[in-house]
Amino acid sequence: MIEFLIQNNVLCHAIEAMFFASVGCAILSVLITQMNISSIGFTMSHAAFAGGAAGVFFELPMMLSAIVMSMLTAAIMGPLSYRTRMHTDTTLGVLFGTMMALAIFFISMMQSEGRGFDASALLYGNVISLYREEIYGLCIITLGIILSIIVFNKEITAITFHRKMAEISGIRVQPVYYLCLFLIAIMVALCLPIVGGLLLYVWLVTPAAVAYQYCGTIRQMFLVAPVVAATISVIGACAGVTYSLPVGPLTAVLFSGVFVVAVALSPKRRVNSQTY
């Protein structure tokens, strides 16, 4: 897409992939943190990991099986939390353990059968190995996330403010909530080969955590979080490819450093310290 600006195809693909992944994950991170479902990050990433392992075991397309498993987990999570009257994080904890067990099961089965399977790319990511079609998929789902936020802005704002009050006021909470879950599921599956299942949680929480330090409304967070995430991710991609460093782990470290600085300089921190 930006080959006319960057002649190095490897660097170009890395920047494009990290940009779209960071923007989509940053917008979703605002929803995740404001809905208090932070555990969904590692649950969905391990669901995609389990789906990828299952796909390799049954000789199916790995990315397609990862997306299907993530969406299946999202479809189970909503009704399970609602019908059992359990807190969402409890349901996510159960699903996390189940998905992790499935992933280990399929990997162990392949090892026992003498079939090699390198899980490092799914655990830590390898942005350099992406195909052009995968980057297009990231672009499409990112645009879909932005469009969904614009179209359902009133409903999402009400749900993040108070879910029960939104239901009482007549807002159809369940469809919008399930839409958010499915968007998270698809985005996580597409980002799995980029940053890996072990690091994806950083992209799904940290941008919103940084934006929260300087934003007073959720609308401001929707604007600031993607800008912060895209800037950090593009810098991480450029530095990683240029100096032959692992892009995913390097960018995760940059995210952590920016978060520490943001908390240290946050106006909200100064206000809280003055109240005591």
C-alpha atoms as a PDB file:
ATOM      1  CA  MET A   1       0.000   0.000   0.000  1.00  0.00           C
ATOM      2  CA  ILE A   2       2.839   2.375   0.801  1.00  0.00           C
ATOM      3  CA  GLU A   3       5.450   0.839  -1.515  1.00  0.00           C
ATOM      4  CA  PHE A   4       5.771   4.188  -3.265  1.00  0.00           C
ATOM      5  CA  LEU A   5       7.125   5.639   0.001  1.00  0.00           C
ATOM      6  CA  ILE A   6       9.224   2.717   1.257  1.00  0.00           C
ATOM      7  CA  GLN A   7      11.261   0.681  -1.219  1.00  0.00           C
ATOM      8  CA  ASN A   8      12.102  -2.072   1.288  1.00  0.00           C
ATOM      9  CA  ASN A   9       9.207  -4.546   0.976  1.00  0.00           C
ATOM     10  CA  VAL A  10       9.951  -6.245   4.303  1.00  0.00           C
ATOM     11  CA  LEU A  11       9.899  -2.949   6.175  1.00  0.00           C
ATOM     12  CA  CYS A  12       6.846  -1.803   4.218  1.00  0.00           C
ATOM     13  CA  HIS A  13       4.847  -4.933   5.122  1.00  0.00           C
ATOM     14  CA  ALA A  14       5.929  -4.719   8.766  1.00  0.00           C
ATOM     15  CA  ILE A  15       4.837  -1.084   9.068  1.00  0.00           C
ATOM     16  CA  GLU A  16       1.482  -1.731   7.373  1.00  0.00           C
ATOM     17  CA  ALA A  17       0.728  -4.780   9.508  1.00  0.00           C
ATOM     18  CA  MET A  18       1.724  -3.116  12.779  1.00  0.00           C
ATOM     19  CA  PHE A  19      -0.214   0.033  11.901  1.00  0.00           C
ATOM     20  CA  PHE A  20      -3.524  -1.692  11.160  1.00  0.00           C
ATOM     21  CA  ALA A  21      -3.122  -4.135  14.043  1.00  0.00           C
ATOM     22  CA  SER A  22      -2.352  -1.367  16.518  1.00  0.00           C
ATOM     23  CA  VAL A  23      -5.207   0.901  15.414  1.00  0.00           C
ATOM     24  CA  GLY A  24      -7.795  -1.888  15.564  1.00  0.00           C
ATOM     25  CA  CYS A  25      -6.535  -3.256  18.883  1.00  0.00           C
ATOM     26  CA  ALA A  26      -6.308   0.228  20.400  1.00  0.00           C
ATOM     27  CA  ILE A  27      -9.962   0.996  19.623  1.00  0.00           C
ATOM     28  CA  LEU A  28     -10.978  -2.371  21.035  1.00  0.00           C
ATOM     29  CA  SER A  29      -8.799  -1.763  24.100  1.00  0.00           C
ATOM     30  CA  VAL A  30     -11.016   1.187  25.016  1.00  0.00           C
ATOM     31  CA  LEU A  31     -14.070  -1.081  24.904  1.00  0.00           C
ATOM     32  CA  ILE A  32     -12.292  -3.837  26.817  1.00  0.00           C
ATOM     33  CA  THR A  33     -11.088  -1.612  29.652  1.00  0.00           C
ATOM     34  CA  GLN A  34     -14.306   0.373  29.931  1.00  0.00           C
ATOM     35  CA  MET A  35     -16.426  -2.809  29.974  1.00  0.00           C
ATOM     36  CA  ASN A  36     -14.123  -4.331  32.614  1.00  0.00           C
ATOM     37  CA  ILE A  37     -13.372  -7.436  30.530  1.00  0.00           C
ATOM     38  CA  SER A  38      -9.580  -7.107  30.404  1.00  0.00           C
ATOM     39  CA  SER A  39      -9.210 -10.882  30.700  1.00  0.00           C
ATOM     40  CA  ILE A  40     -10.694 -11.283  27.224  1.00  0.00           C
ATOM     41  CA  GLY A  41      -7.311 -10.450  25.696  1.00  0.00           C
ATOM     42  CA  PHE A  42      -5.413 -13.551  26.766  1.00  0.00           C
ATOM     43  CA  THR A  43      -8.552 -15.725  26.560  1.00  0.00           C
ATOM     44  CA  MET A  44      -9.177 -14.862  22.902  1.00  0.00           C
ATOM     45  CA  SER A  45      -5.493 -15.073  22.007  1.00  0.00           C
ATOM     46  CA  HIS A  46      -5.274 -18.578  23.448  1.00  0.00           C
ATOM     47  CA  ALA A  47      -8.523 -19.510  21.682  1.00  0.00           C
ATOM     48  CA  ALA A  48      -6.945 -18.430  18.395  1.00  0.00           C
ATOM     49  CA  PHE A  49      -3.778 -20.327  19.353  1.00  0.00           C
ATOM     50  CA  ALA A  50      -5.834 -23.461  20.043  1.00  0.00           C
ATOM     51  CA  GLY A  51      -7.649 -22.999  16.734  1.00  0.00           C
ATOM     52  CA  GLY A  52      -4.369 -22.636  14.875  1.00  0.00           C
ATOM     53  CA  ALA A  53      -2.986 -25.796  16.494  1.00  0.00           C
ATOM     54  CA  ALA A  54      -6.199 -27.675  15.679  1.00  0.00           C
ATOM     55  CA  GLY A  55      -6.003 -26.475  12.090  1.00  0.00           C
ATOM     56  CA  VAL A  56      -2.468 -27.783  11.691  1.00  0.00           C
ATOM     57  CA  PHE A  57      -3.462 -31.106  13.316  1.00  0.00           C
ATOM     58  CA  PHE A  58      -6.406 -31.643  10.970  1.00  0.00           C
ATOM     59  CA  GLU A  59      -4.475 -30.179   8.002  1.00  0.00           C
ATOM     60  CA  LEU A  60      -6.797 -27.194   7.643  1.00  0.00           C
ATOM     61  CA  PRO A  61      -5.859 -23.540   6.943  1.00  0.00           C
ATOM     62  CA  MET A  62      -4.353 -22.327  10.216  1.00  0.00           C
ATOM     63  CA  MET A  63      -5.649 -18.762  10.028  1.00  0.00           C
ATOM     64  CA  LEU A  64      -9.186 -19.840   9.152  1.00  0.00           C
ATOM     65  CA  SER A  65      -9.308 -22.332  12.026  1.00  0.00           C
ATOM     66  CA  ALA A  66      -7.957 -19.670  14.418  1.00  0.00           C
ATOM     67  CA  ILE A  67     -10.716 -17.255  13.390  1.00  0.00           C
ATOM     68  CA  VAL A  68     -13.396 -19.940  13.737  1.00  0.00           C
ATOM     69  CA  MET A  69     -12.204 -20.945  17.221  1.00  0.00           C
ATOM     70  CA  SER A  70     -12.036 -17.311  18.363  1.00  0.00           C
ATOM     71  CA  MET A  71     -15.554 -16.594  17.115  1.00  0.00           C
ATOM     72  CA  LEU A  72     -16.833 -19.814  18.698  1.00  0.00           C
ATOM     73  CA  THR A  73     -15.324 -18.733  22.021  1.00  0.00           C
ATOM     74  CA  ALA A  74     -16.978 -15.328  21.681  1.00  0.00           C
ATOM     75  CA  ALA A  75     -20.309 -17.002  20.900  1.00  0.00           C
ATOM     76  CA  ILE A  76     -20.018 -19.182  24.009  1.00  0.00           C
ATOM     77  CA  MET A  77     -18.784 -16.467  26.345  1.00  0.00           C
ATOM     78  CA  GLY A  78     -21.793 -14.146  26.103  1.00  0.00           C
ATOM     79  CA  PRO A  79     -24.610 -16.642  26.808  1.00  0.00           C
ATOM     80  CA  LEU A  80     -22.492 -18.504  29.382  1.00  0.00           C
ATOM     81  CA  SER A  81     -21.943 -15.354  31.458  1.00  0.00           C
ATOM     82  CA  TYR A  82     -25.585 -14.293  31.122  1.00  0.00           C
ATOM     83  CA  ARG A  83     -27.254 -17.647  31.864  1.00  0.00           C
ATOM     84  CA  THR A  84     -24.974 -18.718  34.709  1.00  0.00           C
ATOM     85  CA  ARG A  85     -25.085 -15.226  36.292  1.00  0.00           C
ATOM     86  CA  MET A  86     -21.330 -15.327  36.704  1.00  0.00           C
ATOM     87  CA  HIS A  87     -19.021 -12.379  36.373  1.00  0.00           C
ATOM     88  CA  THR A  88     -17.535 -12.114  32.902  1.00  0.00           C
ATOM     89  CA  ASP A  89     -13.969 -12.480  34.187  1.00  0.00           C
ATOM     90  CA  THR A  90     -14.919 -15.803  35.825  1.00  0.00           C
ATOM     91  CA  THR A  91     -16.274 -17.103  32.530  1.00  0.00           C
ATOM     92  CA  LEU A  92     -13.172 -15.875  30.741  1.00  0.00           C
ATOM     93  CA  GLY A  93     -10.970 -17.692  33.259  1.00  0.00           C
ATOM     94  CA  VAL A  94     -12.769 -20.979  32.586  1.00  0.00           C
ATOM     95  CA  LEU A  95     -12.554 -20.527  28.820  1.00  0.00           C
ATOM     96  CA  PHE A  96      -8.893 -19.528  29.049  1.00  0.00           C
ATOM     97  CA  GLY A  97      -8.008 -22.793  30.792  1.00  0.00           C
ATOM     98  CA  THR A  98     -10.048 -24.800  28.303  1.00  0.00           C
ATOM     99  CA  MET A  99      -8.460 -23.171  25.255  1.00  0.00           C
ATOM    100  CA  MET A 100      -4.965 -23.570  26.682  1.00  0.00           C
ATOM    101  CA  ALA A 101      -5.642 -27.254  27.351  1.00  0.00           C
ATOM    102  CA  LEU A 102      -6.893 -27.765  23.783  1.00  0.00           C
ATOM    103  CA  ALA A 103      -3.801 -26.094  22.324  1.00  0.00           C
ATOM    104  CA  ILE A 104      -1.452 -28.244  24.422  1.00  0.00           C
ATOM    105  CA  PHE A 105      -3.476 -31.355  23.535  1.00  0.00           C
ATOM    106  CA  PHE A 106      -3.183 -30.870  19.766  1.00  0.00           C
ATOM    107  CA  ILE A 107       0.510 -29.941  19.970  1.00  0.00           C
ATOM    108  CA  SER A 108       1.226 -33.014  22.109  1.00  0.00           C
ATOM    109  CA  MET A 109      -0.694 -35.234  19.684  1.00  0.00           C
ATOM    110  CA  MET A 110       1.367 -33.945  16.759  1.00  0.00           C
ATOM    111  CA  GLN A 111       4.594 -34.501  18.669  1.00  0.00           C
ATOM    112  CA  SER A 112       3.574 -38.038  19.613  1.00  0.00           C
ATOM    113  CA  GLU A 113       2.844 -38.761  15.944  1.00  0.00           C
ATOM    114  CA  GLY A 114       6.204 -37.388  14.914  1.00  0.00           C
ATOM    115  CA  ARG A 115       4.724 -34.364  13.144  1.00  0.00           C
ATOM    116  CA  GLY A 116       6.785 -31.242  13.699  1.00  0.00           C
ATOM    117  CA  PHE A 117       4.998 -28.046  14.723  1.00  0.00           C
ATOM    118  CA  ASP A 118       6.802 -24.832  15.590  1.00  0.00           C
ATOM    119  CA  ALA A 119       4.506 -22.900  17.908  1.00  0.00           C
ATOM    120  CA  SER A 120       6.927 -19.999  18.420  1.00  0.00           C
ATOM    121  CA  ALA A 121       5.408 -17.911  15.610  1.00  0.00           C
ATOM    122  CA  LEU A 122       1.960 -18.130  17.221  1.00  0.00           C
ATOM    123  CA  LEU A 123       3.325 -17.445  20.690  1.00  0.00           C
ATOM    124  CA  TYR A 124       5.698 -14.573  19.913  1.00  0.00           C
ATOM    125  CA  GLY A 125       4.612 -13.457  16.444  1.00  0.00           C
ATOM    126  CA  ASN A 126       6.608 -12.958  13.255  1.00  0.00           C
ATOM    127  CA  VAL A 127       5.450  -9.881  11.377  1.00  0.00           C
ATOM    128  CA  ILE A 128       8.011 -10.401   8.601  1.00  0.00           C
ATOM    129  CA  SER A 129       6.367 -13.662   7.476  1.00  0.00           C
ATOM    130  CA  LEU A 130       2.961 -12.124   6.707  1.00  0.00           C
ATOM    131  CA  TYR A 131       1.353 -12.391   3.287  1.00  0.00           C
ATOM    132  CA  ARG A 132      -0.177  -9.412   1.505  1.00  0.00           C
ATOM    133  CA  GLU A 133      -3.657 -10.968   1.850  1.00  0.00           C
ATOM    134  CA  GLU A 134      -3.303 -11.039   5.643  1.00  0.00           C
ATOM    135  CA  ILE A 135      -2.497  -7.326   5.691  1.00  0.00           C
ATOM    136  CA  TYR A 136      -5.574  -6.649   3.564  1.00  0.00           C
ATOM    137  CA  GLY A 137      -7.623  -8.636   6.067  1.00  0.00           C
ATOM    138  CA  LEU A 138      -6.261  -6.499   8.908  1.00  0.00           C
ATOM    139  CA  CYS A 139      -7.145  -3.354   6.987  1.00  0.00           C
ATOM    140  CA  ILE A 140     -10.720  -4.540   6.369  1.00  0.00           C
ATOM    141  CA  ILE A 141     -11.414  -5.563   9.987  1.00  0.00           C
ATOM    142  CA  THR A 142      -9.875  -2.308  11.277  1.00  0.00           C
ATOM    143  CA  LEU A 143     -12.177  -0.291   9.025  1.00  0.00           C
ATOM    144  CA  GLY A 144     -15.072  -2.459  10.210  1.00  0.00           C
ATOM    145  CA  ILE A 145     -14.221  -1.698  13.836  1.00  0.00           C
ATOM    146  CA  ILE A 146     -14.080   2.048  13.148  1.00  0.00           C
ATOM    147  CA  LEU A 147     -17.398   1.920  11.287  1.00  0.00           C
ATOM    148  CA  SER A 148     -19.039  -0.061  14.093  1.00  0.00           C
ATOM    149  CA  ILE A 149     -17.894   2.465  16.693  1.00  0.00           C
ATOM    150  CA  ILE A 150     -19.337   5.311  14.615  1.00  0.00           C
ATOM    151  CA  VAL A 151     -22.670   3.600  13.883  1.00  0.00           C
ATOM    152  CA  PHE A 152     -23.258   2.268  17.410  1.00  0.00           C
ATOM    153  CA  ASN A 153     -21.592   5.116  19.285  1.00  0.00           C
ATOM    154  CA  LYS A 154     -24.655   5.886  21.444  1.00  0.00           C
ATOM    155  CA  GLU A 155     -25.219   2.250  22.400  1.00  0.00           C
ATOM    156  CA  ILE A 156     -21.548   1.572  23.133  1.00  0.00           C
ATOM    157  CA  THR A 157     -21.233   4.705  25.272  1.00  0.00           C
ATOM    158  CA  ALA A 158     -24.314   3.713  27.286  1.00  0.00           C
ATOM    159  CA  ILE A 159     -23.096   0.138  27.768  1.00  0.00           C
ATOM    160  CA  THR A 160     -19.638   1.182  28.918  1.00  0.00           C
ATOM    161  CA  PHE A 161     -21.140   3.729  31.324  1.00  0.00           C
ATOM    162  CA  HIS A 162     -23.601   1.317  32.968  1.00  0.00           C
ATOM    163  CA  ARG A 163     -24.846  -1.846  31.302  1.00  0.00           C
ATOM    164  CA  LYS A 164     -27.908  -2.338  33.500  1.00  0.00           C
ATOM    165  CA  MET A 165     -29.037   1.261  33.099  1.00  0.00           C
ATOM    166  CA  ALA A 166     -28.611   0.911  29.335  1.00  0.00           C
ATOM    167  CA  GLU A 167     -30.945  -2.124  29.377  1.00  0.00           C
ATOM    168  CA  ILE A 168     -33.526  -0.287  31.485  1.00  0.00           C
ATOM    169  CA  SER A 169     -33.459   2.701  29.131  1.00  0.00           C
ATOM    170  CA  GLY A 170     -34.428   0.435  26.229  1.00  0.00           C
ATOM    171  CA  ILE A 171     -31.074   0.037  24.498  1.00  0.00           C
ATOM    172  CA  ARG A 172     -30.567  -3.398  22.921  1.00  0.00           C
ATOM    173  CA  VAL A 173     -27.489  -4.307  24.900  1.00  0.00           C
ATOM    174  CA  GLN A 174     -27.009  -7.946  23.906  1.00  0.00           C
ATOM    175  CA  PRO A 175     -26.603  -7.492  20.107  1.00  0.00           C
ATOM    176  CA  VAL A 176     -24.113  -4.645  20.535  1.00  0.00           C
ATOM    177  CA  TYR A 177     -22.237  -6.568  23.227  1.00  0.00           C
ATOM    178  CA  TYR A 178     -21.996  -9.664  21.010  1.00  0.00           C
ATOM    179  CA  LEU A 179     -20.864  -7.501  18.098  1.00  0.00           C
ATOM    180  CA  CYS A 180     -18.000  -6.199  20.243  1.00  0.00           C
ATOM    181  CA  LEU A 181     -17.054  -9.762  21.213  1.00  0.00           C
ATOM    182  CA  PHE A 182     -16.997 -10.949  17.605  1.00  0.00           C
ATOM    183  CA  LEU A 183     -14.913  -7.955  16.501  1.00  0.00           C
ATOM    184  CA  ILE A 184     -12.427  -8.705  19.274  1.00  0.00           C
ATOM    185  CA  ALA A 185     -12.355 -12.382  18.259  1.00  0.00           C
ATOM    186  CA  ILE A 186     -11.607 -11.674  14.597  1.00  0.00           C
ATOM    187  CA  MET A 187      -9.022  -8.995  15.374  1.00  0.00           C
ATOM    188  CA  VAL A 188      -7.213 -11.245  17.841  1.00  0.00           C
ATOM    189  CA  ALA A 189      -7.059 -14.117  15.342  1.00  0.00           C
ATOM    190  CA  LEU A 190      -5.659 -11.863  12.605  1.00  0.00           C
ATOM    191  CA  CYS A 191      -3.107 -10.301  14.967  1.00  0.00           C
ATOM    192  CA  LEU A 192      -1.895 -13.647  16.325  1.00  0.00           C
ATOM    193  CA  PRO A 193       0.856 -14.181  13.711  1.00  0.00           C
ATOM    194  CA  ILE A 194       1.953 -10.549  14.070  1.00  0.00           C
ATOM    195  CA  VAL A 195       2.572 -10.130  17.810  1.00  0.00           C
ATOM    196  CA  GLY A 196       1.822 -13.623  19.139  1.00  0.00           C
ATOM    197  CA  GLY A 197      -0.569 -14.925  21.744  1.00  0.00           C
ATOM    198  CA  LEU A 198       1.714 -14.117  24.676  1.00  0.00           C
ATOM    199  CA  LEU A 199       2.135 -10.453  23.741  1.00  0.00           C
ATOM    200  CA  LEU A 200      -1.241  -9.591  22.223  1.00  0.00           C
ATOM    201  CA  TYR A 201      -2.625  -8.670  25.641  1.00  0.00           C
ATOM    202  CA  VAL A 202      -0.349  -5.606  25.619  1.00  0.00           C
ATOM    203  CA  TRP A 203      -2.032  -4.241  22.466  1.00  0.00           C
ATOM    204  CA  LEU A 204      -5.519  -4.898  23.886  1.00  0.00           C
ATOM    205  CA  VAL A 205      -5.050  -3.052  27.185  1.00  0.00           C
ATOM    206  CA  THR A 206      -2.076  -0.669  27.203  1.00  0.00           C
ATOM    207  CA  PRO A 207      -3.259   1.882  24.566  1.00  0.00           C
ATOM    208  CA  ALA A 208      -6.456   2.542  26.519  1.00  0.00           C
ATOM    209  CA  ALA A 209      -4.512   2.649  29.793  1.00  0.00           C
ATOM    210  CA  VAL A 210      -2.196   5.308  28.347  1.00  0.00           C
ATOM    211  CA  ALA A 211      -5.056   7.321  26.839  1.00  0.00           C
ATOM    212  CA  TYR A 212      -6.992   7.203  30.112  1.00  0.00           C
ATOM    213  CA  GLN A 213      -4.228   9.168  31.849  1.00  0.00           C
ATOM    214  CA  TYR A 214      -4.960  12.240  29.703  1.00  0.00           C
ATOM    215  CA  CYS A 215      -8.562  11.841  28.514  1.00  0.00           C
ATOM    216  CA  GLY A 216     -11.741  12.748  30.338  1.00  0.00           C
ATOM    217  CA  THR A 217     -14.294  11.075  28.053  1.00  0.00           C
ATOM    218  CA  ILE A 218     -14.553   7.804  26.178  1.00  0.00           C
ATOM    219  CA  ARG A 219     -14.792   9.714  22.893  1.00  0.00           C
ATOM    220  CA  GLN A 220     -11.393  11.273  23.561  1.00  0.00           C
ATOM    221  CA  MET A 221      -9.978   7.845  24.388  1.00  0.00           C
ATOM    222  CA  PHE A 222     -11.231   6.489  21.057  1.00  0.00           C
ATOM    223  CA  LEU A 223      -9.182   9.189  19.342  1.00  0.00           C
ATOM    224  CA  VAL A 224      -6.026   9.207  21.479  1.00  0.00           C
ATOM    225  CA  ALA A 225      -5.526   5.451  21.980  1.00  0.00           C
ATOM    226  CA  PRO A 226      -5.150   4.585  18.243  1.00  0.00           C
ATOM    227  CA  VAL A 227      -2.759   7.491  17.679  1.00  0.00           C
ATOM    228  CA  VAL A 228      -0.559   6.401  20.579  1.00  0.00           C
ATOM    229  CA  ALA A 229      -0.660   2.736  19.569  1.00  0.00           C
ATOM    230  CA  ALA A 230       0.038   3.407  15.883  1.00  0.00           C
ATOM    231  CA  THR A 231       2.975   5.695  16.683  1.00  0.00           C
ATOM    232  CA  ILE A 232       4.593   3.188  19.043  1.00  0.00           C
ATOM    233  CA  SER A 233       3.970   0.238  16.719  1.00  0.00           C
ATOM    234  CA  VAL A 234       5.382   1.943  13.623  1.00  0.00           C
ATOM    235  CA  ILE A 235       8.482   2.993  15.579  1.00  0.00           C
ATOM    236  CA  GLY A 236       8.840  -0.571  16.854  1.00  0.00           C
ATOM    237  CA  ALA A 237       8.474  -2.000  13.339  1.00  0.00           C
ATOM    238  CA  CYS A 238      11.054   0.395  11.868  1.00  0.00           C
ATOM    239  CA  ALA A 239      13.571  -0.208  14.661  1.00  0.00           C
ATOM    240  CA  GLY A 240      13.017  -3.961  14.665  1.00  0.00           C
ATOM    241  CA  VAL A 241      13.466  -4.452  10.921  1.00  0.00           C
ATOM    242  CA  THR A 242      16.343  -1.970  10.635  1.00  0.00           C
ATOM    243  CA  TYR A 243      18.398  -3.430  13.509  1.00  0.00           C
ATOM    244  CA  SER A 244      17.259  -7.082  13.107  1.00  0.00           C
ATOM    245  CA  LEU A 245      15.381  -7.142  16.416  1.00  0.00           C
ATOM    246  CA  PRO A 246      12.162  -9.061  17.202  1.00  0.00           C
ATOM    247  CA  VAL A 247       9.429  -6.586  16.293  1.00  0.00           C
ATOM    248  CA  GLY A 248       6.663  -7.861  18.585  1.00  0.00           C
ATOM    249  CA  PRO A 249       8.660  -8.044  21.842  1.00  0.00           C
ATOM    250  CA  LEU A 250      10.427  -4.760  21.091  1.00  0.00           C
ATOM    251  CA  THR A 251       7.124  -2.954  20.525  1.00  0.00           C
ATOM    252  CA  ALA A 252       5.655  -4.484  23.693  1.00  0.00           C
ATOM    253  CA  VAL A 253       8.606  -3.111  25.681  1.00  0.00           C
ATOM    254  CA  LEU A 254       8.053   0.321  24.107  1.00  0.00           C
ATOM    255  CA  PHE A 255       4.378   0.175  25.089  1.00  0.00           C
ATOM    256  CA  SER A 256       5.340  -0.606  28.684  1.00  0.00           C
ATOM    257  CA  GLY A 257       7.844   2.231  28.774  1.00  0.00           C
ATOM    258  CA  VAL A 258       5.320   4.728  27.387  1.00  0.00           C
ATOM    259  CA  PHE A 259       2.749   3.577  29.944  1.00  0.00           C
ATOM    260  CA  VAL A 260       5.169   4.131  32.830  1.00  0.00           C
ATOM    261  CA  VAL A 261       6.003   7.629  31.571  1.00  0.00           C
ATOM    262  CA  ALA A 262       2.315   8.418  30.982  1.00  0.00           C
ATOM    263  CA  VAL A 263       1.400   7.414  34.535  1.00  0.00           C
ATOM    264  CA  ALA A 264       4.326   9.396  35.978  1.00  0.00           C
ATOM    265  CA  LEU A 265       3.301  12.561  34.093  1.00  0.00           C
ATOM    266  CA  SER A 266      -0.466  12.065  34.252  1.00  0.00           C
ATOM    267  CA  PRO A 267      -2.544  15.063  35.383  1.00  0.00           C
ATOM    268  CA  LYS A 268      -4.916  12.617  37.090  1.00  0.00           C
ATOM    269  CA  ARG A 269      -2.059  11.357  39.243  1.00  0.00           C
ATOM    270  CA  ARG A 270      -1.263  14.909  40.351  1.00  0.00           C
ATOM    271  CA  VAL A 271      -4.925  15.553  41.177  1.00  0.00           C
ATOM    272  CA  ASN A 272      -5.131  12.362  43.232  1.00  0.00           C
ATOM    273  CA  SER A 273      -1.971  13.189  45.145  1.00  0.00           C
ATOM    274  CA  GLN A 274      -3.304  16.646  46.027  1.00  0.00           C
ATOM    275  CA  THR A 275      -6.473  15.199  47.578  1.00  0.00           C
ATOM    276  CA  TYR A 276      -4.546  13.467  50.349  1.00  0.00           C
END
